[in-house]
Amino acid sequence: MTRIPVEHPRYESLITRERIVEGVQIGITSKQGLIAQGRGETFDYLLGERTTTTAAYAERAAVALLLLAHNPIISVNGNVAALVPDQIVALSDVTGAPLEVNLFHRSDARMHKIIEHLSAYGASDVLGKKGDGSLDLKHDRAIVDEVGIYSADVVLVPLEDGDRCSALIAMGKNVITIDLNPLSRTSLSSTVSIIDNITRAIPNMVQFAIEMKHNKTEELESIVDLYNNDKVLSSAMYEMSETLKNMSIERGIEWI
């Protein structure tokens, strides 16, 4: 990984990019994942590269759903494994939701490398290789484990593609997604849409899970019942417009 001085004004962003590049180099991230990372980074810049109040609200509701679930699962792709391997394993441990590798650009080699990578960070019994279940999709994301994504009641699918999210919703599942674009098919169709950078969202969720894991069922249900996903999406769009407005004003540009 390229050495980046901590004092660099874009330190966090550049470190994230380096992790994705390293993921490609070791064979866990696809080259297409580089494009997806850049797209998300644009929206993060508009958010002010911070976890907003409503993003934290969504993260808390997401944790409540995972803790209430009878058969939760956390889906992992190459970008997730490259960016937050330690934190995604920690979230799995504290919520009791197993990890399952699910890829659009699937190969036995990539599946094996991602599972080995997660195992190096303490994951055990990572699902995905069996592939004995199938979603109603016409690409390799359809290949899932029967005991994992296929039979889960709550699925966390960070950095998701919209068609799989829609397919999971159509199966009656509660779907939690992490997507910096509030207007994506993913965000618009999810049960809980977390509009935040995964490098902030997953650590936040780990902390919420530690705090909430001993809450009574009624308390967790209340968090879910009071959650409003439309509010989260609307707030994210407002925050982005405010960032643009404030940046324009700071530079003396008329805001129309």
Protein backbone atom coordinates (compact mmCIF):
# COMPACT_ATOMS: atom_id res chain seq x y z
CA MET A 1 0.00 0.00 0.00
CA THR A 2 1.25 3.48 -0.90
CA ARG A 3 2.39 5.46 2.13
CA ILE A 4 0.02 8.38 2.70
CA PRO A 5 0.85 10.97 5.39
CA VAL A 6 -1.83 11.29 8.05
CA GLU A 7 -1.68 15.07 7.60
CA HIS A 8 -2.91 14.80 4.00
CA PRO A 9 -6.30 16.58 3.74
CA ARG A 10 -7.75 13.61 1.82
CA TYR A 11 -6.14 10.95 4.03
CA GLU A 12 -9.24 8.84 4.78
CA SER A 13 -10.40 8.92 1.17
CA LEU A 14 -6.98 7.98 -0.19
CA ILE A 15 -6.58 5.13 2.31
CA THR A 16 -9.95 3.76 1.23
CA ARG A 17 -8.88 3.87 -2.41
CA GLU A 18 -5.66 2.08 -1.58
CA ARG A 19 -7.56 -0.70 0.18
CA ILE A 20 -9.70 -1.26 -2.92
CA VAL A 21 -6.61 -1.31 -5.17
CA GLU A 22 -4.95 -3.77 -2.81
CA GLY A 23 -8.12 -5.88 -2.94
CA VAL A 24 -7.80 -6.08 -6.73
CA GLN A 25 -4.12 -6.97 -6.46
CA ILE A 26 -4.74 -9.89 -4.09
CA GLY A 27 -7.73 -11.11 -6.08
CA ILE A 28 -10.66 -10.41 -3.74
CA THR A 29 -12.03 -7.29 -5.45
CA SER A 30 -13.03 -7.02 -9.11
CA LYS A 31 -11.79 -4.19 -11.32
CA GLN A 32 -15.41 -3.09 -11.60
CA GLY A 33 -15.29 -2.55 -7.83
CA LEU A 34 -12.88 0.33 -8.42
CA ILE A 35 -15.57 2.12 -10.43
CA ALA A 36 -18.21 1.46 -7.79
CA GLN A 37 -15.92 2.90 -5.12
CA GLY A 38 -15.38 6.10 -7.11
CA ARG A 39 -19.10 6.54 -7.68
CA GLY A 40 -19.84 6.21 -3.98
CA GLU A 41 -17.05 8.60 -3.06
CA THR A 42 -18.76 11.33 -5.08
CA PHE A 43 -21.92 11.08 -3.00
CA ASP A 44 -19.90 10.91 0.22
CA TYR A 45 -18.26 14.21 -0.69
CA LEU A 46 -21.73 15.72 -1.07
CA LEU A 47 -22.66 14.40 2.38
CA GLY A 48 -19.67 16.15 3.87
CA GLU A 49 -17.93 12.80 4.47
CA ARG A 50 -19.72 12.30 7.77
CA THR A 51 -22.40 10.17 9.35
CA THR A 52 -25.53 12.31 9.45
CA THR A 53 -28.10 12.13 12.23
CA THR A 54 -30.55 10.24 10.03
CA ALA A 55 -27.83 7.83 8.83
CA ALA A 56 -27.13 6.96 12.47
CA TYR A 57 -30.89 6.59 12.97
CA ALA A 58 -30.97 4.07 10.10
CA GLU A 59 -27.92 2.22 11.42
CA ARG A 60 -29.59 1.84 14.81
CA ALA A 61 -32.79 0.51 13.21
CA ALA A 62 -30.73 -1.88 11.11
CA VAL A 63 -29.07 -3.30 14.20
CA ALA A 64 -32.44 -3.70 15.88
CA LEU A 65 -33.66 -5.71 12.86
CA LEU A 66 -30.59 -7.95 12.94
CA LEU A 67 -30.98 -8.59 16.67
CA LEU A 68 -34.68 -9.40 16.29
CA ALA A 69 -34.17 -11.71 13.32
CA HIS A 70 -34.61 -15.48 13.57
CA ASN A 71 -32.18 -16.16 10.73
CA PRO A 72 -30.12 -13.05 9.89
CA ILE A 73 -27.31 -13.05 7.34
CA ILE A 74 -24.64 -10.56 6.27
CA SER A 75 -23.77 -10.65 2.58
CA VAL A 76 -20.16 -9.86 1.66
CA ASN A 77 -18.65 -8.93 -1.69
CA GLY A 78 -15.09 -8.07 -2.69
CA ASN A 79 -15.29 -4.37 -1.80
CA VAL A 80 -16.69 -5.14 1.65
CA ALA A 81 -13.94 -7.68 2.29
CA ALA A 82 -11.30 -5.18 1.20
CA LEU A 83 -12.64 -2.17 3.11
CA VAL A 84 -13.97 -3.45 6.45
CA PRO A 85 -12.95 -7.10 6.98
CA ASP A 86 -12.32 -6.72 10.70
CA GLN A 87 -15.47 -4.72 11.37
CA ILE A 88 -17.77 -6.95 9.30
CA VAL A 89 -16.49 -9.96 11.26
CA ALA A 90 -17.07 -8.05 14.51
CA LEU A 91 -20.64 -7.21 13.46
CA SER A 92 -21.26 -10.87 12.63
CA ASP A 93 -19.95 -11.92 16.02
CA VAL A 94 -21.96 -9.46 18.10
CA THR A 95 -25.26 -9.90 16.24
CA GLY A 96 -24.96 -13.64 15.60
CA ALA A 97 -25.54 -13.08 11.86
CA PRO A 98 -23.32 -15.38 9.73
CA LEU A 99 -21.34 -14.05 6.78
CA GLU A 100 -22.07 -15.23 3.25
CA VAL A 101 -19.95 -14.35 0.22
CA ASN A 102 -22.12 -13.38 -2.76
CA LEU A 103 -20.58 -12.03 -5.99
CA PHE A 104 -21.70 -10.62 -9.31
CA HIS A 105 -18.32 -11.50 -10.87
CA ARG A 106 -18.15 -14.94 -9.30
CA SER A 107 -15.39 -17.52 -9.63
CA ASP A 108 -14.25 -20.34 -7.38
CA ALA A 109 -10.89 -18.60 -6.98
CA ARG A 110 -12.43 -15.31 -5.81
CA MET A 111 -14.84 -17.09 -3.47
CA HIS A 112 -11.94 -18.98 -1.89
CA LYS A 113 -9.75 -15.89 -1.56
CA ILE A 114 -12.48 -13.81 0.07
CA ILE A 115 -13.35 -16.57 2.53
CA GLU A 116 -9.67 -16.98 3.38
CA HIS A 117 -9.32 -13.21 3.78
CA LEU A 118 -12.27 -13.04 6.18
CA SER A 119 -10.95 -16.05 8.07
CA ALA A 120 -7.67 -14.22 8.59
CA TYR A 121 -9.68 -11.59 10.47
CA GLY A 122 -11.34 -14.17 12.71
CA ALA A 123 -14.38 -15.25 10.71
CA SER A 124 -15.51 -18.86 11.00
CA ASP A 125 -17.92 -20.92 8.89
CA VAL A 126 -18.27 -18.32 6.13
CA LEU A 127 -21.08 -19.35 3.79
CA GLY A 128 -21.35 -19.00 0.02
CA LYS A 129 -19.37 -21.80 -1.56
CA LYS A 130 -22.14 -24.38 -1.41
CA GLY A 131 -24.49 -22.45 -3.70
CA ASP A 132 -27.43 -24.82 -3.30
CA GLY A 133 -30.07 -22.06 -3.35
CA SER A 134 -31.13 -19.71 -6.13
CA LEU A 135 -32.69 -16.25 -6.32
CA ASP A 136 -34.85 -15.05 -9.20
CA LEU A 137 -31.99 -13.34 -11.04
CA LYS A 138 -30.22 -13.97 -14.32
CA HIS A 139 -26.64 -13.52 -13.12
CA ASP A 140 -24.30 -15.07 -10.56
CA ARG A 141 -25.69 -13.09 -7.60
CA ALA A 142 -28.57 -15.55 -7.87
CA ILE A 143 -26.28 -18.27 -6.46
CA VAL A 144 -26.76 -18.41 -2.68
CA ASP A 145 -26.64 -20.92 0.15
CA GLU A 146 -29.91 -22.55 1.15
CA VAL A 147 -29.17 -22.12 4.87
CA GLY A 148 -27.90 -18.58 4.35
CA ILE A 149 -29.32 -15.82 2.16
CA TYR A 150 -32.03 -18.03 0.66
CA SER A 151 -33.71 -18.82 4.00
CA ALA A 152 -32.79 -15.64 5.90
CA ASP A 153 -35.50 -13.33 7.22
CA VAL A 154 -33.17 -10.31 7.49
CA VAL A 155 -30.33 -9.70 5.04
CA LEU A 156 -27.68 -7.02 5.35
CA VAL A 157 -26.35 -6.37 1.85
CA PRO A 158 -23.76 -3.57 1.96
CA LEU A 159 -22.70 -2.08 -1.39
CA GLU A 160 -25.65 -3.72 -3.11
CA ASP A 161 -26.98 -4.02 -6.65
CA GLY A 162 -30.61 -2.95 -6.93
CA ASP A 163 -31.93 -6.02 -8.71
CA ARG A 164 -30.85 -8.41 -5.96
CA CYS A 165 -32.31 -6.12 -3.33
CA SER A 166 -35.63 -6.13 -5.19
CA ALA A 167 -35.53 -9.93 -5.53
CA LEU A 168 -34.93 -10.35 -1.80
CA ILE A 169 -37.75 -7.92 -0.95
CA ALA A 170 -40.05 -9.86 -3.29
CA MET A 171 -39.26 -13.00 -1.26
CA GLY A 172 -40.64 -11.27 1.86
CA LYS A 173 -37.30 -10.53 3.50
CA ASN A 174 -36.30 -7.43 5.40
CA VAL A 175 -33.32 -5.98 3.54
CA ILE A 176 -30.77 -3.57 5.01
CA THR A 177 -28.49 -1.81 2.55
CA ILE A 178 -25.57 0.61 2.72
CA ASP A 179 -25.48 2.87 -0.32
CA LEU A 180 -24.28 6.47 -0.55
CA ASN A 181 -26.70 7.22 -3.38
CA PRO A 182 -30.18 7.92 -1.91
CA LEU A 183 -31.76 7.69 -5.39
CA SER A 184 -30.33 4.30 -6.37
CA ARG A 185 -32.66 1.34 -6.97
CA THR A 186 -31.06 -0.20 -3.91
CA SER A 187 -31.85 2.67 -1.56
CA LEU A 188 -35.35 3.16 -2.93
CA SER A 189 -36.37 -0.49 -2.51
CA SER A 190 -34.70 -1.42 0.81
CA THR A 191 -36.41 -1.90 4.15
CA VAL A 192 -33.65 0.12 5.82
CA SER A 193 -31.41 2.29 3.62
CA ILE A 194 -28.21 3.45 5.28
CA ILE A 195 -26.90 6.47 3.36
CA ASP A 196 -23.38 6.44 4.72
CA ASN A 197 -19.88 5.32 3.83
CA ILE A 198 -19.42 1.66 4.71
CA THR A 199 -16.15 2.52 6.47
CA ARG A 200 -18.22 4.54 8.97
CA ALA A 201 -21.48 2.61 8.89
CA ILE A 202 -20.17 -0.83 9.87
CA PRO A 203 -18.12 0.42 12.87
CA ASN A 204 -21.15 2.46 13.97
CA MET A 205 -23.35 -0.63 13.73
CA VAL A 206 -20.86 -2.69 15.74
CA GLN A 207 -21.03 -0.11 18.52
CA PHE A 208 -24.83 0.05 18.40
CA ALA A 209 -24.99 -3.76 18.53
CA ILE A 210 -22.77 -3.89 21.60
CA GLU A 211 -25.01 -1.32 23.30
CA MET A 212 -28.31 -2.90 22.22
CA LYS A 213 -27.66 -6.65 22.32
CA HIS A 214 -29.19 -6.99 25.80
CA ASN A 215 -32.21 -4.76 25.10
CA LYS A 216 -35.63 -6.27 25.61
CA THR A 217 -37.48 -7.48 22.53
CA GLU A 218 -40.12 -4.79 23.03
CA GLU A 219 -37.46 -2.08 22.97
CA LEU A 220 -35.97 -3.37 19.72
CA GLU A 221 -39.42 -3.71 18.15
CA SER A 222 -40.21 -0.12 19.08
CA ILE A 223 -37.07 1.10 17.29
CA VAL A 224 -38.10 -0.77 14.14
CA ASP A 225 -41.76 0.29 14.33
CA LEU A 226 -40.84 3.98 14.61
CA TYR A 227 -38.36 3.84 11.73
CA ASN A 228 -39.23 5.78 8.57
CA ASN A 229 -37.10 4.97 5.51
CA ASP A 230 -38.59 7.78 3.40
CA LYS A 231 -37.41 10.23 6.06
CA VAL A 232 -33.87 8.87 5.76
CA LEU A 233 -33.80 9.20 1.96
CA SER A 234 -35.33 12.68 2.02
CA SER A 235 -32.90 13.83 4.68
CA ALA A 236 -29.90 12.53 2.74
CA MET A 237 -30.95 14.47 -0.36
CA TYR A 238 -31.47 17.60 1.74
CA GLU A 239 -28.02 17.22 3.35
CA MET A 240 -26.39 16.90 -0.07
CA SER A 241 -28.14 19.99 -1.42
CA GLU A 242 -27.14 21.94 1.70
CA THR A 243 -23.50 20.94 1.22
CA LEU A 244 -23.56 22.25 -2.35
CA LYS A 245 -25.34 25.42 -1.24
CA ASN A 246 -22.85 26.11 1.56
CA MET A 247 -19.84 25.41 -0.66
CA SER A 248 -21.22 27.83 -3.26
CA ILE A 249 -21.81 30.56 -0.67
CA GLU A 250 -18.31 30.09 0.78
CA ARG A 251 -16.85 30.65 -2.69
CA GLY A 252 -19.02 33.63 -3.49
CA ILE A 253 -21.04 31.75 -6.10
CA GLU A 254 -24.71 32.70 -6.34
CA TRP A 255 -26.95 29.82 -5.25
CA ILE A 256 -30.07 29.58 -7.39
